[in-house]
């Protein structure tokens, strides 16, 4: 005779199997072949039709059919080749025209660049079984395209609410009590610091909503810099 506990266990197993996929939705909720195929590259920035990310993430980019059958879906975040940075000469060195922004260059053949304070990321930040972006700077160094977009809308590989993602690569710029030598001091309680030095620093009455972004009340990387669409 089948026990009641066994029946209950089977019932809940069935519920989990049916409801599981609905509880998670990959950021790229479509057929794998849209990205995994010939003729596309993470390092081909000049021709946006062959960059695996920019072929869709551009104005008027490609549309896809989602796994649930929804068709003609286009991404809401758009980029231009001119949004990539040439601050370090990376774009012109790679054969691209000088660009408009100076935040990140997303198709760099190397990720160690002392002039930008850039070191190779830790394994905790970036790991790929295929190693496509190892030693390079690509969209995939910061973004994991297979993450659940309902949980992580930006598909970031690391929580960046306190700039941990930035500092994983730019850890050489993470300095305190350096009086501005080499880099701006971080982790300063700005309000307290400003009150003690009113003639040197202004109060931030709209911090975080139109002035500058403070991280836990302190000046940090993203107080002044942005990875996209910014003259950092």
Protein backbone atom coordinates (compact mmCIF):
# COMPACT_ATOMS: atom_id res chain seq x y z
CA UNK A 1 0.00 0.00 0.00
CA UNK A 2 1.37 3.42 -0.99
CA UNK A 3 1.98 5.67 2.01
CA UNK A 4 0.48 9.15 2.30
CA UNK A 5 3.97 10.64 2.74
CA UNK A 6 5.08 9.08 -0.56
CA UNK A 7 2.08 10.56 -2.41
CA UNK A 8 2.75 14.01 -0.92
CA UNK A 9 6.42 13.81 -1.92
CA UNK A 10 5.51 12.89 -5.53
CA UNK A 11 2.97 15.74 -5.67
CA UNK A 12 5.46 18.40 -4.60
CA UNK A 13 8.13 17.01 -6.93
CA UNK A 14 5.70 17.37 -9.83
CA UNK A 15 4.83 20.92 -8.81
CA UNK A 16 8.51 21.90 -8.70
CA UNK A 17 9.14 20.36 -12.11
CA UNK A 18 6.24 22.27 -13.65
CA UNK A 19 6.78 25.59 -11.89
CA UNK A 20 10.60 25.63 -11.84
CA UNK A 21 11.17 27.19 -15.29
CA UNK A 22 8.57 29.88 -14.57
CA UNK A 23 10.44 30.97 -11.47
CA UNK A 24 13.58 31.82 -13.42
CA UNK A 25 14.14 33.47 -16.76
CA UNK A 26 17.61 33.72 -18.28
CA UNK A 27 18.55 37.21 -19.41
CA UNK A 28 18.88 35.83 -22.90
CA UNK A 29 15.68 33.83 -23.06
CA UNK A 30 16.02 32.49 -26.59
CA UNK A 31 17.68 29.83 -28.72
CA UNK A 32 21.39 29.32 -28.00
CA UNK A 33 22.28 29.58 -31.69
CA UNK A 34 21.43 33.30 -31.63
CA UNK A 35 24.81 33.86 -29.91
CA UNK A 36 26.68 30.56 -30.23
CA UNK A 37 27.42 30.30 -33.92
CA UNK A 38 29.89 31.19 -36.67
CA UNK A 39 30.61 34.72 -37.86
CA UNK A 40 30.33 36.52 -34.50
CA UNK A 41 32.98 37.60 -32.02
CA UNK A 42 33.32 39.42 -28.69
CA UNK A 43 36.32 41.37 -30.02
CA UNK A 44 34.93 42.56 -33.35
CA UNK A 45 33.76 46.03 -32.37
CA UNK A 46 34.17 47.90 -35.64
CA UNK A 47 31.50 45.95 -37.44
CA UNK A 48 28.47 45.82 -35.13
CA UNK A 49 26.85 43.09 -37.22
CA UNK A 50 29.57 40.65 -36.18
CA UNK A 51 29.89 41.62 -32.50
CA UNK A 52 27.90 39.01 -30.65
CA UNK A 53 26.45 41.58 -28.22
CA UNK A 54 26.12 44.67 -30.42
CA UNK A 55 24.31 42.86 -33.21
CA UNK A 56 21.25 43.12 -30.95
CA UNK A 57 22.25 45.81 -28.43
CA UNK A 58 22.29 48.71 -30.88
CA UNK A 59 19.68 51.09 -32.23
CA UNK A 60 17.63 49.10 -34.73
CA UNK A 61 19.40 45.89 -33.72
CA UNK A 62 18.26 42.37 -34.43
CA UNK A 63 15.09 41.04 -32.87
CA UNK A 64 14.65 37.51 -31.57
CA UNK A 65 11.94 35.03 -30.73
CA UNK A 66 11.90 34.10 -27.06
CA UNK A 67 11.70 30.55 -25.77
CA UNK A 68 8.04 31.07 -24.81
CA UNK A 69 7.20 31.90 -28.43
CA UNK A 70 7.07 35.69 -28.12
CA UNK A 71 8.49 37.07 -31.38
CA UNK A 72 10.07 40.31 -32.53
CA UNK A 73 11.64 41.11 -29.15
CA UNK A 74 14.44 43.69 -29.13
CA UNK A 75 16.73 44.61 -26.20
CA UNK A 76 15.99 47.82 -24.34
CA UNK A 77 19.67 48.73 -23.78
CA UNK A 78 21.43 50.08 -26.84
CA UNK A 79 25.09 50.84 -27.53
CA UNK A 80 27.06 52.45 -30.31
CA UNK A 81 30.62 51.77 -31.38
CA UNK A 82 31.21 55.45 -30.56
CA UNK A 83 30.29 54.76 -26.93
CA UNK A 84 33.46 52.71 -26.48
CA UNK A 85 36.47 54.46 -25.00
CA UNK A 86 39.68 55.51 -26.69
CA UNK A 87 41.11 57.11 -23.53
CA UNK A 88 43.98 54.61 -23.48
CA UNK A 89 44.42 54.45 -27.24
CA UNK A 90 42.78 51.02 -27.28
CA UNK A 91 40.30 51.80 -30.04
CA UNK A 92 42.74 53.34 -32.52
CA UNK A 93 45.31 50.65 -31.74
CA UNK A 94 42.72 48.06 -32.67
CA UNK A 95 41.96 49.83 -35.94
CA UNK A 96 38.77 51.62 -34.93
CA UNK A 97 38.08 55.32 -35.41
CA UNK A 98 38.53 57.62 -32.37
CA UNK A 99 35.47 57.43 -30.17
CA UNK A 100 33.21 59.84 -28.32
CA UNK A 101 33.36 58.48 -24.76
CA UNK A 102 36.13 57.67 -22.32
CA UNK A 103 34.58 55.13 -19.99
CA UNK A 104 35.22 51.50 -21.02
CA UNK A 105 36.56 49.94 -24.19
CA UNK A 106 34.78 46.59 -24.51
CA UNK A 107 36.92 44.81 -27.08
CA UNK A 108 40.41 45.06 -25.66
CA UNK A 109 42.83 42.18 -26.35
CA UNK A 110 44.38 42.53 -22.86
CA UNK A 111 42.96 43.23 -19.44
CA UNK A 112 46.14 44.41 -17.68
CA UNK A 113 46.76 48.11 -18.30
CA UNK A 114 48.70 49.96 -15.58
CA UNK A 115 47.84 53.41 -16.98
CA UNK A 116 44.16 52.66 -16.34
CA UNK A 117 44.84 51.02 -13.00
CA UNK A 118 43.56 47.79 -14.53
CA UNK A 119 44.59 44.36 -13.30
CA UNK A 120 43.30 40.94 -14.28
CA UNK A 121 40.08 40.16 -12.41
CA UNK A 122 40.01 37.53 -9.71
CA UNK A 123 38.58 34.09 -10.35
CA UNK A 124 35.64 35.04 -8.16
CA UNK A 125 34.64 37.67 -10.72
CA UNK A 126 35.32 35.93 -13.98
CA UNK A 127 35.51 32.28 -14.88
CA UNK A 128 34.59 30.66 -18.17
CA UNK A 129 34.99 27.00 -19.04
CA UNK A 130 35.70 28.08 -22.63
CA UNK A 131 38.03 30.96 -21.74
CA UNK A 132 36.70 33.16 -24.55
CA UNK A 133 37.34 36.37 -22.60
CA UNK A 134 40.33 35.26 -20.55
CA UNK A 135 42.94 38.01 -20.56
CA UNK A 136 40.67 40.36 -22.53
CA UNK A 137 38.10 43.07 -21.85
CA UNK A 138 34.72 42.19 -23.29
CA UNK A 139 31.09 42.64 -22.30
CA UNK A 140 31.29 39.20 -20.75
CA UNK A 141 33.92 40.21 -18.21
CA UNK A 142 31.31 42.11 -16.19
CA UNK A 143 28.08 40.56 -17.48
CA UNK A 144 27.05 36.89 -17.37
CA UNK A 145 24.54 36.42 -20.21
CA UNK A 146 23.03 33.27 -18.68
CA UNK A 147 21.99 34.74 -15.33
CA UNK A 148 18.35 35.06 -14.26
CA UNK A 149 17.23 38.52 -15.35
CA UNK A 150 14.35 38.51 -12.87
CA UNK A 151 16.92 38.37 -10.06
CA UNK A 152 19.78 40.28 -11.66
CA UNK A 153 18.44 42.72 -14.25
CA UNK A 154 21.90 43.88 -15.37
CA UNK A 155 23.28 40.32 -15.39
CA UNK A 156 26.32 41.46 -13.41
CA UNK A 157 28.81 38.82 -12.34
CA UNK A 158 29.24 40.49 -8.97
CA UNK A 159 27.15 42.75 -6.74
CA UNK A 160 28.31 46.26 -7.60
CA UNK A 161 26.20 48.21 -5.11
CA UNK A 162 29.42 49.06 -3.23
CA UNK A 163 31.60 49.12 -6.37
CA UNK A 164 33.01 45.64 -5.72
CA UNK A 165 32.83 44.87 -9.43
CA UNK A 166 34.86 47.96 -10.34
CA UNK A 167 37.45 47.42 -7.63
CA UNK A 168 38.00 43.77 -8.52
CA UNK A 169 39.92 44.91 -11.61
CA UNK A 170 40.85 48.42 -10.46
CA UNK A 171 41.96 47.31 -7.00
CA UNK A 172 45.22 49.24 -7.36
CA UNK A 173 43.15 52.42 -7.10
CA UNK A 174 41.48 51.33 -3.86
CA UNK A 175 43.39 53.60 -1.49
CA UNK A 176 42.60 55.38 1.77
CA UNK A 177 44.40 58.11 3.75
CA UNK A 178 46.53 58.92 0.70
CA UNK A 179 45.58 62.64 0.59
CA UNK A 180 44.71 62.35 -3.08
CA UNK A 181 48.14 61.01 -4.09
CA UNK A 182 47.79 58.84 -7.23
CA UNK A 183 44.03 58.55 -6.85
CA UNK A 184 41.07 60.05 -5.04
CA UNK A 185 40.76 58.68 -1.49
CA UNK A 186 37.91 56.22 -1.13
CA UNK A 187 35.78 55.09 1.80
CA UNK A 188 35.47 58.56 3.31
CA UNK A 189 32.33 59.48 5.23
CA UNK A 190 31.64 62.46 3.04
CA UNK A 191 29.10 64.26 5.23
CA UNK A 192 31.34 64.15 8.29
CA UNK A 193 34.40 65.08 6.25
CA UNK A 194 32.61 68.00 4.59
CA UNK A 195 31.28 69.34 7.91
CA UNK A 196 34.83 69.40 9.25
CA UNK A 197 36.13 71.12 6.10
CA UNK A 198 33.29 73.45 4.96
CA UNK A 199 35.63 75.80 3.12
CA UNK A 200 37.06 73.02 0.97
CA UNK A 201 34.09 70.75 0.18
CA UNK A 202 30.47 71.51 -0.58
CA UNK A 203 27.53 69.77 1.12
CA UNK A 204 25.74 67.29 -1.11
CA UNK A 205 22.09 68.11 -0.57
CA UNK A 206 20.96 65.81 -3.38
CA UNK A 207 23.52 63.05 -3.08
CA UNK A 208 22.44 60.03 -5.05
CA UNK A 209 19.67 61.85 -6.91
CA UNK A 210 21.28 64.45 -9.09
CA UNK A 211 24.48 65.44 -7.34
CA UNK A 212 26.94 62.57 -7.06
CA UNK A 213 26.42 58.98 -6.04
CA UNK A 214 27.69 58.09 -2.59
CA UNK A 215 28.34 54.47 -1.70
CA UNK A 216 27.30 53.85 1.90
CA UNK A 217 27.77 57.57 2.53
CA UNK A 218 31.25 57.58 1.04
CA UNK A 219 32.94 58.72 -2.14
CA UNK A 220 33.71 55.72 -4.34
CA UNK A 221 34.44 54.85 -7.98
CA UNK A 222 30.94 55.36 -9.32
CA UNK A 223 30.62 58.72 -7.60
CA UNK A 224 32.47 60.11 -10.60
CA UNK A 225 32.88 57.30 -13.12
CA UNK A 226 30.55 55.16 -15.17
CA UNK A 227 31.26 52.12 -17.31
CA UNK A 228 28.88 53.13 -20.10
CA UNK A 229 27.67 56.33 -21.81
CA UNK A 230 29.92 58.60 -19.81
CA UNK A 231 32.86 60.91 -20.15
CA UNK A 232 34.39 59.56 -16.97
